[in-house]
Amino acid sequence: MKNLGIVLIALGLLMMIYTGFNYVSEKRVVDIGPLKIDKAENHPVHWSPVVGGVLLVVGIALVATNRKKVS
């Protein structure tokens, strides 16, 4: 459980710092013999920094409860 807590802490911090990303895909618009025209489409993926904060708190709680059981 301690390892899962550490992963959640790291993921939560990253999600609070980076609130999203974009990826680009290409779509063929025209394909007439030797004439080919492609269009780049931007696909944004966003999340709330609150989600990162929740993951951070859950990760800290998992690490803290694991330390209490070991002691």
C-alpha atoms as a PDB file:
ATOM      1  CA  MET A   1       0.000   0.000   0.000  1.00  0.00           C
ATOM      2  CA  LYS A   2       2.942   2.322   0.618  1.00  0.00           C
ATOM      3  CA  ASN A   3       4.041   2.015  -3.029  1.00  0.00           C
ATOM      4  CA  LEU A   4       0.513   2.803  -4.236  1.00  0.00           C
ATOM      5  CA  GLY A   5       0.465   5.836  -1.948  1.00  0.00           C
ATOM      6  CA  ILE A   6       3.751   7.116  -3.360  1.00  0.00           C
ATOM      7  CA  VAL A   7       2.474   6.657  -6.925  1.00  0.00           C
ATOM      8  CA  LEU A   8      -0.746   8.542  -6.081  1.00  0.00           C
ATOM      9  CA  ILE A   9       1.249  11.376  -4.507  1.00  0.00           C
ATOM     10  CA  ALA A  10       3.425  11.726  -7.618  1.00  0.00           C
ATOM     11  CA  LEU A  11       0.436  11.485  -9.953  1.00  0.00           C
ATOM     12  CA  GLY A  12      -1.499  14.028  -7.897  1.00  0.00           C
ATOM     13  CA  LEU A  13       1.365  16.512  -7.984  1.00  0.00           C
ATOM     14  CA  LEU A  14       1.740  16.111 -11.754  1.00  0.00           C
ATOM     15  CA  MET A  15      -2.003  16.539 -12.298  1.00  0.00           C
ATOM     16  CA  MET A  16      -1.989  19.719 -10.221  1.00  0.00           C
ATOM     17  CA  ILE A  17       0.949  21.163 -12.184  1.00  0.00           C
ATOM     18  CA  TYR A  18      -0.139  20.039 -15.672  1.00  0.00           C
ATOM     19  CA  THR A  19      -3.896  20.454 -16.043  1.00  0.00           C
ATOM     20  CA  GLY A  20      -4.090  18.908 -19.472  1.00  0.00           C
ATOM     21  CA  PHE A  21      -2.402  18.139 -22.734  1.00  0.00           C
ATOM     22  CA  ASN A  22      -3.114  18.172 -26.464  1.00  0.00           C
ATOM     23  CA  TYR A  23      -2.559  15.537 -29.079  1.00  0.00           C
ATOM     24  CA  VAL A  24      -2.774  15.963 -32.828  1.00  0.00           C
ATOM     25  CA  SER A  25      -4.178  13.513 -35.343  1.00  0.00           C
ATOM     26  CA  GLU A  26      -4.159  13.823 -39.095  1.00  0.00           C
ATOM     27  CA  LYS A  27      -7.267  13.262 -41.169  1.00  0.00           C
ATOM     28  CA  ARG A  28      -7.339  12.829 -44.934  1.00  0.00           C
ATOM     29  CA  VAL A  29      -9.632  15.487 -46.428  1.00  0.00           C
ATOM     30  CA  VAL A  30      -9.030  15.087 -50.164  1.00  0.00           C
ATOM     31  CA  ASP A  31      -7.690  12.032 -51.984  1.00  0.00           C
ATOM     32  CA  ILE A  32      -8.000  12.489 -55.739  1.00  0.00           C
ATOM     33  CA  GLY A  33      -5.315  10.549 -57.593  1.00  0.00           C
ATOM     34  CA  PRO A  34      -1.952  12.196 -56.899  1.00  0.00           C
ATOM     35  CA  LEU A  35      -3.620  15.051 -54.961  1.00  0.00           C
ATOM     36  CA  LYS A  36      -3.791  14.305 -51.246  1.00  0.00           C
ATOM     37  CA  ILE A  37      -4.683  16.904 -48.635  1.00  0.00           C
ATOM     38  CA  ASP A  38      -4.458  16.168 -44.915  1.00  0.00           C
ATOM     39  CA  LYS A  39      -5.877  18.184 -42.046  1.00  0.00           C
ATOM     40  CA  ALA A  40      -4.285  18.212 -38.582  1.00  0.00           C
ATOM     41  CA  GLU A  41      -6.887  18.026 -35.818  1.00  0.00           C
ATOM     42  CA  ASN A  42      -6.075  19.171 -32.304  1.00  0.00           C
ATOM     43  CA  HIS A  43      -7.631  17.112 -29.459  1.00  0.00           C
ATOM     44  CA  PRO A  44      -7.346  18.767 -26.037  1.00  0.00           C
ATOM     45  CA  VAL A  45      -7.580  16.641 -22.874  1.00  0.00           C
ATOM     46  CA  HIS A  46      -8.153  18.656 -19.686  1.00  0.00           C
ATOM     47  CA  TRP A  47      -8.878  17.848 -16.048  1.00  0.00           C
ATOM     48  CA  SER A  48      -9.437  19.901 -12.936  1.00  0.00           C
ATOM     49  CA  PRO A  49      -6.509  20.434 -10.549  1.00  0.00           C
ATOM     50  CA  VAL A  50      -8.926  19.398  -7.797  1.00  0.00           C
ATOM     51  CA  VAL A  51      -8.625  15.813  -9.067  1.00  0.00           C
ATOM     52  CA  GLY A  52      -4.861  16.027  -8.549  1.00  0.00           C
ATOM     53  CA  GLY A  53      -5.411  17.394  -5.050  1.00  0.00           C
ATOM     54  CA  VAL A  54      -7.719  14.502  -4.170  1.00  0.00           C
ATOM     55  CA  LEU A  55      -5.162  11.979  -5.425  1.00  0.00           C
ATOM     56  CA  LEU A  56      -2.459  13.745  -3.426  1.00  0.00           C
ATOM     57  CA  VAL A  57      -4.510  13.602  -0.206  1.00  0.00           C
ATOM     58  CA  VAL A  58      -5.412   9.928  -0.733  1.00  0.00           C
ATOM     59  CA  GLY A  59      -1.750   9.090  -1.403  1.00  0.00           C
ATOM     60  CA  ILE A  60      -0.627  10.870   1.760  1.00  0.00           C
ATOM     61  CA  ALA A  61      -3.319   9.056   3.752  1.00  0.00           C
ATOM     62  CA  LEU A  62      -2.180   5.671   2.391  1.00  0.00           C
ATOM     63  CA  VAL A  63       1.461   6.345   3.268  1.00  0.00           C
ATOM     64  CA  ALA A  64       0.511   7.657   6.732  1.00  0.00           C
ATOM     65  CA  THR A  65      -1.720   4.674   7.588  1.00  0.00           C
ATOM     66  CA  ASN A  66       0.965   2.278   6.371  1.00  0.00           C
ATOM     67  CA  ARG A  67       3.526   3.822   8.724  1.00  0.00           C
ATOM     68  CA  LYS A  68       1.162   3.437  11.696  1.00  0.00           C
ATOM     69  CA  LYS A  69       0.730  -0.284  11.040  1.00  0.00           C
ATOM     70  CA  VAL A  70       4.497  -0.912  10.729  1.00  0.00           C
ATOM     71  CA  SER A  71       5.431   0.894  13.960  1.00  0.00           C
END
